[in-house]
C-alpha atoms as a PDB file:
ATOM      1  CA  MET A   1     -56.391  62.797  66.002  1.00  0.00           C
ATOM      2  CA  GLN A   2     -57.457  64.413  62.771  1.00  0.00           C
ATOM      3  CA  HIS A   3     -55.389  63.660  59.713  1.00  0.00           C
ATOM      4  CA  GLU A   4     -55.380  66.486  57.214  1.00  0.00           C
ATOM      5  CA  LYS A   5     -55.236  65.421  53.611  1.00  0.00           C
ATOM      6  CA  ASP A   6     -57.307  66.089  50.533  1.00  0.00           C
ATOM      7  CA  PHE A   7     -60.061  63.649  49.687  1.00  0.00           C
ATOM      8  CA  LYS A   8     -62.114  63.047  46.589  1.00  0.00           C
ATOM      9  CA  PRO A   9     -65.620  61.647  46.114  1.00  0.00           C
ATOM     10  CA  ALA A  10     -65.995  57.919  46.700  1.00  0.00           C
ATOM     11  CA  ALA A  11     -65.548  55.729  43.644  1.00  0.00           C
ATOM     12  CA  LEU A  12     -66.929  52.401  44.915  1.00  0.00           C
ATOM     13  CA  PRO A  13     -70.650  51.516  45.105  1.00  0.00           C
ATOM     14  CA  ASP A  14     -72.137  52.308  48.555  1.00  0.00           C
ATOM     15  CA  ALA A  15     -68.806  53.895  49.553  1.00  0.00           C
ATOM     16  CA  GLN A  16     -68.388  57.120  51.519  1.00  0.00           C
ATOM     17  CA  VAL A  17     -65.264  59.153  52.162  1.00  0.00           C
ATOM     18  CA  VAL A  18     -63.753  59.593  55.635  1.00  0.00           C
ATOM     19  CA  THR A  19     -63.582  63.306  56.540  1.00  0.00           C
ATOM     20  CA  LYS A  20     -62.314  63.156  60.133  1.00  0.00           C
ATOM     21  CA  VAL A  21     -60.805  60.630  62.557  1.00  0.00           C
ATOM     22  CA  LYS A  22     -60.250  61.101  66.286  1.00  0.00           C
ATOM     23  CA  HIS A  23     -58.645  58.532  68.597  1.00  0.00           C
ATOM     24  CA  TRP A  24     -60.001  59.062  72.114  1.00  0.00           C
ATOM     25  CA  THR A  25     -58.051  56.260  73.823  1.00  0.00           C
ATOM     26  CA  ASP A  26     -56.099  53.202  72.735  1.00  0.00           C
ATOM     27  CA  ARG A  27     -59.453  51.372  72.662  1.00  0.00           C
ATOM     28  CA  LEU A  28     -61.890  53.989  71.320  1.00  0.00           C
ATOM     29  CA  PHE A  29     -62.123  56.182  68.243  1.00  0.00           C
ATOM     30  CA  SER A  30     -64.687  58.172  66.286  1.00  0.00           C
ATOM     31  CA  PHE A  31     -64.838  59.142  62.655  1.00  0.00           C
ATOM     32  CA  ARG A  32     -66.968  61.161  60.267  1.00  0.00           C
ATOM     33  CA  VAL A  33     -67.827  60.329  56.669  1.00  0.00           C
ATOM     34  CA  THR A  34     -69.679  61.954  53.818  1.00  0.00           C
ATOM     35  CA  ARG A  35     -73.440  61.498  53.822  1.00  0.00           C
ATOM     36  CA  PRO A  36     -75.245  59.995  50.828  1.00  0.00           C
ATOM     37  CA  HIS A  37     -77.561  62.613  49.324  1.00  0.00           C
ATOM     38  CA  SER A  38     -80.471  60.188  49.400  1.00  0.00           C
ATOM     39  CA  LEU A  39     -80.019  59.084  53.017  1.00  0.00           C
ATOM     40  CA  ARG A  40     -82.825  60.020  55.400  1.00  0.00           C
ATOM     41  CA  PHE A  41     -82.783  58.664  58.929  1.00  0.00           C
ATOM     42  CA  ARG A  42     -84.294  59.237  62.350  1.00  0.00           C
ATOM     43  CA  SER A  43     -81.895  60.226  65.129  1.00  0.00           C
ATOM     44  CA  GLY A  44     -81.007  57.041  67.040  1.00  0.00           C
ATOM     45  CA  GLU A  45     -81.032  54.646  64.077  1.00  0.00           C
ATOM     46  CA  PHE A  46     -78.132  52.526  62.807  1.00  0.00           C
ATOM     47  CA  VAL A  47     -76.746  51.494  59.427  1.00  0.00           C
ATOM     48  CA  MET A  48     -74.438  48.782  58.190  1.00  0.00           C
ATOM     49  CA  ILE A  49     -70.900  50.003  57.547  1.00  0.00           C
ATOM     50  CA  GLY A  50     -67.620  48.267  56.864  1.00  0.00           C
ATOM     51  CA  LEU A  51     -64.709  47.635  54.563  1.00  0.00           C
ATOM     52  CA  ALA A  52     -64.002  45.444  51.564  1.00  0.00           C
ATOM     53  CA  LYS A  53     -62.158  42.203  52.338  1.00  0.00           C
ATOM     54  CA  ASP A  54     -59.175  41.022  50.320  1.00  0.00           C
ATOM     55  CA  ASP A  55     -61.515  39.031  48.089  1.00  0.00           C
ATOM     56  CA  GLY A  56     -63.529  42.163  47.390  1.00  0.00           C
ATOM     57  CA  LYS A  57     -66.579  41.091  49.404  1.00  0.00           C
ATOM     58  CA  PRO A  58     -67.826  43.578  52.030  1.00  0.00           C
ATOM     59  CA  LEU A  59     -67.375  42.952  55.760  1.00  0.00           C
ATOM     60  CA  LEU A  60     -70.199  44.862  57.443  1.00  0.00           C
ATOM     61  CA  ARG A  61     -71.355  45.526  61.007  1.00  0.00           C
ATOM     62  CA  ALA A  62     -74.242  47.499  62.506  1.00  0.00           C
ATOM     63  CA  TYR A  63     -73.148  50.928  63.725  1.00  0.00           C
ATOM     64  CA  SER A  64     -75.398  53.527  65.328  1.00  0.00           C
ATOM     65  CA  ILE A  65     -75.215  56.923  63.669  1.00  0.00           C
ATOM     66  CA  ALA A  66     -73.810  59.285  66.301  1.00  0.00           C
ATOM     67  CA  SER A  67     -74.679  62.461  64.410  1.00  0.00           C
ATOM     68  CA  PRO A  68     -78.228  63.877  64.426  1.00  0.00           C
ATOM     69  CA  SER A  69     -80.586  63.572  61.490  1.00  0.00           C
ATOM     70  CA  TRP A  70     -79.920  67.153  60.359  1.00  0.00           C
ATOM     71  CA  ASP A  71     -76.107  66.822  60.139  1.00  0.00           C
ATOM     72  CA  GLU A  72     -74.498  67.100  56.707  1.00  0.00           C
ATOM     73  CA  GLU A  73     -72.049  64.292  57.578  1.00  0.00           C
ATOM     74  CA  LEU A  74     -72.329  60.995  59.448  1.00  0.00           C
ATOM     75  CA  GLU A  75     -70.418  60.311  62.649  1.00  0.00           C
ATOM     76  CA  PHE A  76     -69.645  56.907  64.175  1.00  0.00           C
ATOM     77  CA  TYR A  77     -68.066  55.882  67.490  1.00  0.00           C
ATOM     78  CA  SER A  78     -66.233  52.575  67.695  1.00  0.00           C
ATOM     79  CA  ILE A  79     -64.247  50.287  69.911  1.00  0.00           C
ATOM     80  CA  LYS A  80     -60.931  48.871  68.709  1.00  0.00           C
ATOM     81  CA  VAL A  81     -60.688  45.096  68.821  1.00  0.00           C
ATOM     82  CA  GLN A  82     -57.168  44.086  67.833  1.00  0.00           C
ATOM     83  CA  ASP A  83     -58.214  40.682  66.464  1.00  0.00           C
ATOM     84  CA  GLY A  84     -61.687  41.785  65.387  1.00  0.00           C
ATOM     85  CA  PRO A  85     -62.532  41.013  61.751  1.00  0.00           C
ATOM     86  CA  LEU A  86     -63.647  44.601  61.084  1.00  0.00           C
ATOM     87  CA  THR A  87     -62.391  46.951  63.825  1.00  0.00           C
ATOM     88  CA  SER A  88     -58.829  45.616  63.630  1.00  0.00           C
ATOM     89  CA  LYS A  89     -58.754  47.264  60.192  1.00  0.00           C
ATOM     90  CA  LEU A  90     -61.298  50.040  60.657  1.00  0.00           C
ATOM     91  CA  GLN A  91     -59.255  51.627  63.463  1.00  0.00           C
ATOM     92  CA  HIS A  92     -56.526  52.494  60.948  1.00  0.00           C
ATOM     93  CA  ILE A  93     -58.671  54.536  58.557  1.00  0.00           C
ATOM     94  CA  GLU A  94     -57.519  58.040  57.695  1.00  0.00           C
ATOM     95  CA  VAL A  95     -59.083  61.091  56.108  1.00  0.00           C
ATOM     96  CA  GLY A  96     -59.624  60.399  52.417  1.00  0.00           C
ATOM     97  CA  ASP A  97     -60.116  56.648  52.837  1.00  0.00           C
ATOM     98  CA  GLU A  98     -63.368  54.993  51.817  1.00  0.00           C
ATOM     99  CA  ILE A  99     -65.756  52.874  53.870  1.00  0.00           C
ATOM    100  CA  ILE A 100     -68.795  50.945  52.693  1.00  0.00           C
ATOM    101  CA  LEU A 101     -72.134  52.258  53.951  1.00  0.00           C
ATOM    102  CA  ARG A 102     -75.459  50.614  53.205  1.00  0.00           C
ATOM    103  CA  PRO A 103     -77.989  53.491  53.330  1.00  0.00           C
ATOM    104  CA  LYS A 104     -80.869  51.576  54.910  1.00  0.00           C
ATOM    105  CA  PRO A 105     -81.237  52.937  58.458  1.00  0.00           C
ATOM    106  CA  VAL A 106     -83.193  50.927  61.045  1.00  0.00           C
ATOM    107  CA  GLY A 107     -83.408  50.668  64.818  1.00  0.00           C
ATOM    108  CA  THR A 108     -85.601  50.885  67.902  1.00  0.00           C
ATOM    109  CA  LEU A 109     -83.959  53.841  69.664  1.00  0.00           C
ATOM    110  CA  VAL A 110     -86.223  56.430  68.065  1.00  0.00           C
ATOM    111  CA  HIS A 111     -88.808  58.816  69.457  1.00  0.00           C
ATOM    112  CA  ASP A 112     -91.545  57.122  67.424  1.00  0.00           C
ATOM    113  CA  ALA A 113     -91.197  53.959  69.552  1.00  0.00           C
ATOM    114  CA  LEU A 114     -92.074  55.765  72.798  1.00  0.00           C
ATOM    115  CA  LEU A 115     -95.306  57.183  74.153  1.00  0.00           C
ATOM    116  CA  PRO A 116     -95.272  60.831  75.327  1.00  0.00           C
ATOM    117  CA  GLY A 117     -93.765  61.374  78.778  1.00  0.00           C
ATOM    118  CA  LYS A 118     -92.172  63.868  81.163  1.00  0.00           C
ATOM    119  CA  ARG A 119     -88.584  62.597  81.224  1.00  0.00           C
ATOM    120  CA  ILE A 120     -86.408  60.539  78.936  1.00  0.00           C
ATOM    121  CA  TRP A 121     -83.485  58.438  80.153  1.00  0.00           C
ATOM    122  CA  PHE A 122     -80.605  57.408  77.899  1.00  0.00           C
ATOM    123  CA  PHE A 123     -78.796  54.447  79.515  1.00  0.00           C
ATOM    124  CA  ALA A 124     -75.466  53.714  77.797  1.00  0.00           C
ATOM    125  CA  THR A 125     -72.317  51.716  78.411  1.00  0.00           C
ATOM    126  CA  GLY A 126     -69.139  52.105  76.365  1.00  0.00           C
ATOM    127  CA  THR A 127     -69.720  52.872  72.696  1.00  0.00           C
ATOM    128  CA  GLY A 128     -73.445  52.375  73.322  1.00  0.00           C
ATOM    129  CA  ILE A 129     -73.521  56.137  73.823  1.00  0.00           C
ATOM    130  CA  ALA A 130     -73.423  56.585  70.024  1.00  0.00           C
ATOM    131  CA  PRO A 131     -77.207  56.666  69.349  1.00  0.00           C
ATOM    132  CA  PHE A 132     -77.639  59.031  72.272  1.00  0.00           C
ATOM    133  CA  ALA A 133     -74.978  61.307  70.804  1.00  0.00           C
ATOM    134  CA  SER A 134     -77.457  61.606  67.947  1.00  0.00           C
ATOM    135  CA  LEU A 135     -80.542  62.008  70.110  1.00  0.00           C
ATOM    136  CA  THR A 136     -79.055  64.579  72.516  1.00  0.00           C
ATOM    137  CA  ARG A 137     -78.324  66.753  69.482  1.00  0.00           C
ATOM    138  CA  GLU A 138     -81.849  66.341  68.117  1.00  0.00           C
ATOM    139  CA  PRO A 139     -84.185  69.326  68.758  1.00  0.00           C
ATOM    140  CA  GLN A 140     -87.224  67.037  69.064  1.00  0.00           C
ATOM    141  CA  THR A 141     -85.710  65.508  72.216  1.00  0.00           C
ATOM    142  CA  TYR A 142     -85.999  68.844  74.019  1.00  0.00           C
ATOM    143  CA  GLU A 143     -89.391  69.619  72.512  1.00  0.00           C
ATOM    144  CA  ASP A 144     -90.838  66.330  73.764  1.00  0.00           C
ATOM    145  CA  TYR A 145     -89.380  66.156  77.291  1.00  0.00           C
ATOM    146  CA  ASN A 146     -88.900  68.369  80.348  1.00  0.00           C
ATOM    147  CA  GLN A 147     -85.772  66.478  81.391  1.00  0.00           C
ATOM    148  CA  VAL A 148     -83.207  64.511  79.377  1.00  0.00           C
ATOM    149  CA  ILE A 149     -80.946  62.254  81.470  1.00  0.00           C
ATOM    150  CA  LEU A 150     -77.866  60.736  79.837  1.00  0.00           C
ATOM    151  CA  THR A 151     -76.053  58.078  81.860  1.00  0.00           C
ATOM    152  CA  HIS A 152     -72.763  56.701  80.575  1.00  0.00           C
ATOM    153  CA  THR A 153     -70.901  53.879  82.303  1.00  0.00           C
ATOM    154  CA  CYS A 154     -67.358  52.868  81.349  1.00  0.00           C
ATOM    155  CA  ARG A 155     -64.546  50.970  83.002  1.00  0.00           C
ATOM    156  CA  ASP A 156     -62.017  53.820  83.172  1.00  0.00           C
ATOM    157  CA  VAL A 157     -62.189  57.606  83.407  1.00  0.00           C
ATOM    158  CA  ASN A 158     -60.565  58.285  80.032  1.00  0.00           C
ATOM    159  CA  GLU A 159     -63.290  56.260  78.313  1.00  0.00           C
ATOM    160  CA  LEU A 160     -65.800  58.928  79.382  1.00  0.00           C
ATOM    161  CA  ALA A 161     -64.094  61.590  77.253  1.00  0.00           C
ATOM    162  CA  TYR A 162     -66.347  61.203  74.214  1.00  0.00           C
ATOM    163  CA  GLY A 163     -69.469  61.706  76.325  1.00  0.00           C
ATOM    164  CA  GLU A 164     -67.968  64.643  78.190  1.00  0.00           C
ATOM    165  CA  ARG A 165     -67.117  66.405  74.925  1.00  0.00           C
ATOM    166  CA  LEU A 166     -70.556  65.592  73.547  1.00  0.00           C
ATOM    167  CA  VAL A 167     -72.347  67.195  76.493  1.00  0.00           C
ATOM    168  CA  GLU A 168     -70.088  70.252  76.392  1.00  0.00           C
ATOM    169  CA  ASP A 169     -70.748  70.703  72.671  1.00  0.00           C
ATOM    170  CA  VAL A 170     -74.508  70.228  73.075  1.00  0.00           C
ATOM    171  CA  ARG A 171     -74.713  72.842  75.824  1.00  0.00           C
ATOM    172  CA  ASN A 172     -72.780  75.296  73.646  1.00  0.00           C
ATOM    173  CA  ASP A 173     -74.714  74.531  70.473  1.00  0.00           C
ATOM    174  CA  PRO A 174     -76.428  77.603  68.961  1.00  0.00           C
ATOM    175  CA  LEU A 175     -79.464  75.545  67.948  1.00  0.00           C
ATOM    176  CA  ILE A 176     -80.257  73.587  71.116  1.00  0.00           C
ATOM    177  CA  GLY A 177     -77.781  74.826  73.728  1.00  0.00           C
ATOM    178  CA  GLU A 178     -80.298  76.972  75.584  1.00  0.00           C
ATOM    179  CA  PHE A 179     -82.685  74.037  75.972  1.00  0.00           C
ATOM    180  CA  ALA A 180     -79.946  71.543  76.835  1.00  0.00           C
ATOM    181  CA  GLU A 181     -78.575  73.837  79.541  1.00  0.00           C
ATOM    182  CA  LYS A 182     -81.938  73.671  81.288  1.00  0.00           C
ATOM    183  CA  LYS A 183     -82.982  70.096  80.545  1.00  0.00           C
ATOM    184  CA  LEU A 184     -79.935  67.863  79.979  1.00  0.00           C
ATOM    185  CA  ILE A 185     -78.513  65.961  82.963  1.00  0.00           C
ATOM    186  CA  TYR A 186     -75.274  64.052  82.425  1.00  0.00           C
ATOM    187  CA  TYR A 187     -74.450  61.193  84.819  1.00  0.00           C
ATOM    188  CA  PRO A 188     -71.119  59.435  84.106  1.00  0.00           C
ATOM    189  CA  THR A 189     -69.917  56.467  86.164  1.00  0.00           C
ATOM    190  CA  THR A 190     -66.921  54.126  86.143  1.00  0.00           C
ATOM    191  CA  THR A 191     -66.742  50.505  87.211  1.00  0.00           C
ATOM    192  CA  ARG A 192     -62.983  49.980  87.559  1.00  0.00           C
ATOM    193  CA  GLU A 193     -60.985  53.196  87.869  1.00  0.00           C
ATOM    194  CA  SER A 194     -61.770  55.565  90.731  1.00  0.00           C
ATOM    195  CA  SER A 195     -64.014  58.519  89.823  1.00  0.00           C
ATOM    196  CA  PRO A 196     -66.525  60.866  91.505  1.00  0.00           C
ATOM    197  CA  GLN A 197     -69.303  58.347  90.822  1.00  0.00           C
ATOM    198  CA  MET A 198     -68.530  54.642  90.671  1.00  0.00           C
ATOM    199  CA  GLY A 199     -70.677  51.586  90.054  1.00  0.00           C
ATOM    200  CA  ARG A 200     -72.781  49.827  87.437  1.00  0.00           C
ATOM    201  CA  ILE A 201     -75.780  51.909  86.477  1.00  0.00           C
ATOM    202  CA  THR A 202     -78.042  48.957  87.312  1.00  0.00           C
ATOM    203  CA  THR A 203     -76.732  48.919  90.886  1.00  0.00           C
ATOM    204  CA  LEU A 204     -77.131  52.685  91.224  1.00  0.00           C
ATOM    205  CA  LEU A 205     -80.705  52.373  89.985  1.00  0.00           C
ATOM    206  CA  GLU A 206     -81.611  49.504  92.290  1.00  0.00           C
ATOM    207  CA  ASN A 207     -80.161  51.070  95.448  1.00  0.00           C
ATOM    208  CA  GLY A 208     -81.639  54.498  94.676  1.00  0.00           C
ATOM    209  CA  THR A 209     -78.306  56.328  94.438  1.00  0.00           C
ATOM    210  CA  LEU A 210     -79.009  57.574  90.911  1.00  0.00           C
ATOM    211  CA  PHE A 211     -82.388  59.017  91.862  1.00  0.00           C
ATOM    212  CA  SER A 212     -81.073  60.748  94.993  1.00  0.00           C
ATOM    213  CA  ASP A 213     -78.031  62.141  93.175  1.00  0.00           C
ATOM    214  CA  ILE A 214     -80.187  63.948  90.606  1.00  0.00           C
ATOM    215  CA  ASN A 215     -83.125  64.633  92.913  1.00  0.00           C
ATOM    216  CA  ILE A 216     -85.805  62.513  91.288  1.00  0.00           C
ATOM    217  CA  ASN A 217     -88.377  60.784  93.487  1.00  0.00           C
ATOM    218  CA  ASP A 218     -91.222  60.054  91.088  1.00  0.00           C
ATOM    219  CA  PHE A 219     -89.804  57.521  88.631  1.00  0.00           C
ATOM    220  CA  ASN A 220     -92.773  55.641  87.146  1.00  0.00           C
ATOM    221  CA  ALA A 221     -94.523  54.653  83.938  1.00  0.00           C
ATOM    222  CA  ASP A 222     -96.550  57.867  83.814  1.00  0.00           C
ATOM    223  CA  ASN A 223     -93.520  60.177  83.894  1.00  0.00           C
ATOM    224  CA  ASP A 224     -90.576  58.277  82.498  1.00  0.00           C
ATOM    225  CA  ARG A 225     -89.395  56.954  79.157  1.00  0.00           C
ATOM    226  CA  ALA A 226     -86.092  55.152  78.607  1.00  0.00           C
ATOM    227  CA  MET A 227     -83.746  53.955  75.903  1.00  0.00           C
ATOM    228  CA  VAL A 228     -81.041  51.358  76.578  1.00  0.00           C
ATOM    229  CA  CYS A 229     -77.900  50.612  74.563  1.00  0.00           C
ATOM    230  CA  GLY A 230     -75.121  48.429  75.909  1.00  0.00           C
ATOM    231  CA  SER A 231     -73.989  44.868  76.395  1.00  0.00           C
ATOM    232  CA  ILE A 232     -76.479  42.010  76.340  1.00  0.00           C
ATOM    233  CA  GLY A 233     -76.119  41.689  80.105  1.00  0.00           C
ATOM    234  CA  LEU A 234     -76.850  45.358  80.696  1.00  0.00           C
ATOM    235  CA  ASN A 235     -79.822  45.294  78.338  1.00  0.00           C
ATOM    236  CA  THR A 236     -81.306  42.272  80.106  1.00  0.00           C
ATOM    237  CA  ASP A 237     -80.760  43.672  83.614  1.00  0.00           C
ATOM    238  CA  LEU A 238     -82.097  47.128  82.781  1.00  0.00           C
ATOM    239  CA  LYS A 239     -85.153  45.665  81.097  1.00  0.00           C
ATOM    240  CA  LYS A 240     -86.015  43.821  84.334  1.00  0.00           C
ATOM    241  CA  ILE A 241     -85.466  46.961  86.419  1.00  0.00           C
ATOM    242  CA  LEU A 242     -87.600  49.142  84.159  1.00  0.00           C
ATOM    243  CA  GLU A 243     -90.367  46.543  84.062  1.00  0.00           C
ATOM    244  CA  SER A 244     -90.296  46.357  87.869  1.00  0.00           C
ATOM    245  CA  HIS A 245     -91.232  50.057  87.874  1.00  0.00           C
ATOM    246  CA  GLY A 246     -94.168  49.404  85.560  1.00  0.00           C
ATOM    247  CA  LEU A 247     -92.583  50.443  82.267  1.00  0.00           C
ATOM    248  CA  ARG A 248     -93.325  48.340  79.192  1.00  0.00           C
ATOM    249  CA  GLU A 249     -91.033  47.656  76.251  1.00  0.00           C
ATOM    250  CA  GLY A 250     -92.082  49.420  73.072  1.00  0.00           C
ATOM    251  CA  ALA A 251     -91.341  49.198  69.367  1.00  0.00           C
ATOM    252  CA  ASN A 252     -91.879  51.212  66.212  1.00  0.00           C
ATOM    253  CA  SER A 253     -95.119  49.334  65.619  1.00  0.00           C
ATOM    254  CA  ALA A 254     -96.291  49.502  69.251  1.00  0.00           C
ATOM    255  CA  PRO A 255     -94.916  52.509  71.216  1.00  0.00           C
ATOM    256  CA  ALA A 256     -94.609  52.118  74.998  1.00  0.00           C
ATOM    257  CA  GLU A 257     -92.371  53.361  77.842  1.00  0.00           C
ATOM    258  CA  PHE A 258     -88.885  51.984  77.014  1.00  0.00           C
ATOM    259  CA  VAL A 259     -86.885  50.509  74.143  1.00  0.00           C
ATOM    260  CA  VAL A 260     -83.696  48.462  73.927  1.00  0.00           C
ATOM    261  CA  GLU A 261     -81.271  48.396  71.005  1.00  0.00           C
ATOM    262  CA  LYS A 262     -80.793  44.698  70.338  1.00  0.00           C
ATOM    263  CA  ALA A 263     -78.372  45.207  67.445  1.00  0.00           C
ATOM    264  CA  PHE A 264     -75.640  46.667  69.638  1.00  0.00           C
ATOM    265  CA  VAL A 265     -73.200  44.478  71.523  1.00  0.00           C
ATOM    266  CA  GLY A 266     -70.080  46.067  73.045  1.00  0.00           C
END
C-alpha cells in the first residue's frame, strides 16, 4: 500500500524520509527511504534504523538494505511484531514520516567475503531475503557467477509474494534482466500451507530434493558459494550441512566458501 502525500527533507539528525510503504501481508511490509548523500555500501550489508522513543532516545535495530548499492533510495523489508519495541510502531509509518538511520553499513553477506566460484546460493527464510533482494539486483553477482540460486522458505504462500515480485522485477530489469533470465534460479518453499514445493530448505538439501529439482549434481567446495540469512536455528543447521560438503565459513578478512549473517534473527 503506497500512501501518496508530499514529503520534505528530514529535519532530525541521522533521519531519512519515508518515500514508499507497501504492506505485503498482515505480518510483512516493505518501505523505501531517502538515501544519505554520503552513504556508500556494498550490496548485502545492513545498517541500524529505528524511531525515536517518547523520551527522545533512539530505538534502533539492524536491518539489511534490500536495495542494491547503486539505488538512489534505500529499501527495507520487515516483519510486524505487535508487541515488538520497534516494529509495533514502525509498521505504521507513512510516506513523509521520518526514521532514524545510522549510515555505517556492515555485514558478512558481501561478495568480498567469498572466494571465486561457479555458483552462488542465497538461502533465506522470511524477511531474511532482504540482503538477497540487494544482491540479486547487483550486476557483480551475474559477472562473478554462472548460476545464482535464490531459495526462500516461508510458512504460508502469501509470505512468498515479496520474493516473487523481486524475481519478476529482476528478470525484467533493463540493466541485468538479460543476465538474470539466463542465470537466476528461484526456489520458493512453504513449511505450513500447501504449495508446489513444501519443506524446510535444510530437509530438501539433506534428502537431495533441491539438487534434483534444479538439476545440479556437482555441489562441492570447488563449484559452490553460499550465503545464509534466517533464524538462528536455520543458520546453525545450514552451516553444518555446508561444512559436511566441504565448504568453509568465510569473512571479510578471510574469504572462503560460505557466509552467515549473524545479525539477523527473524
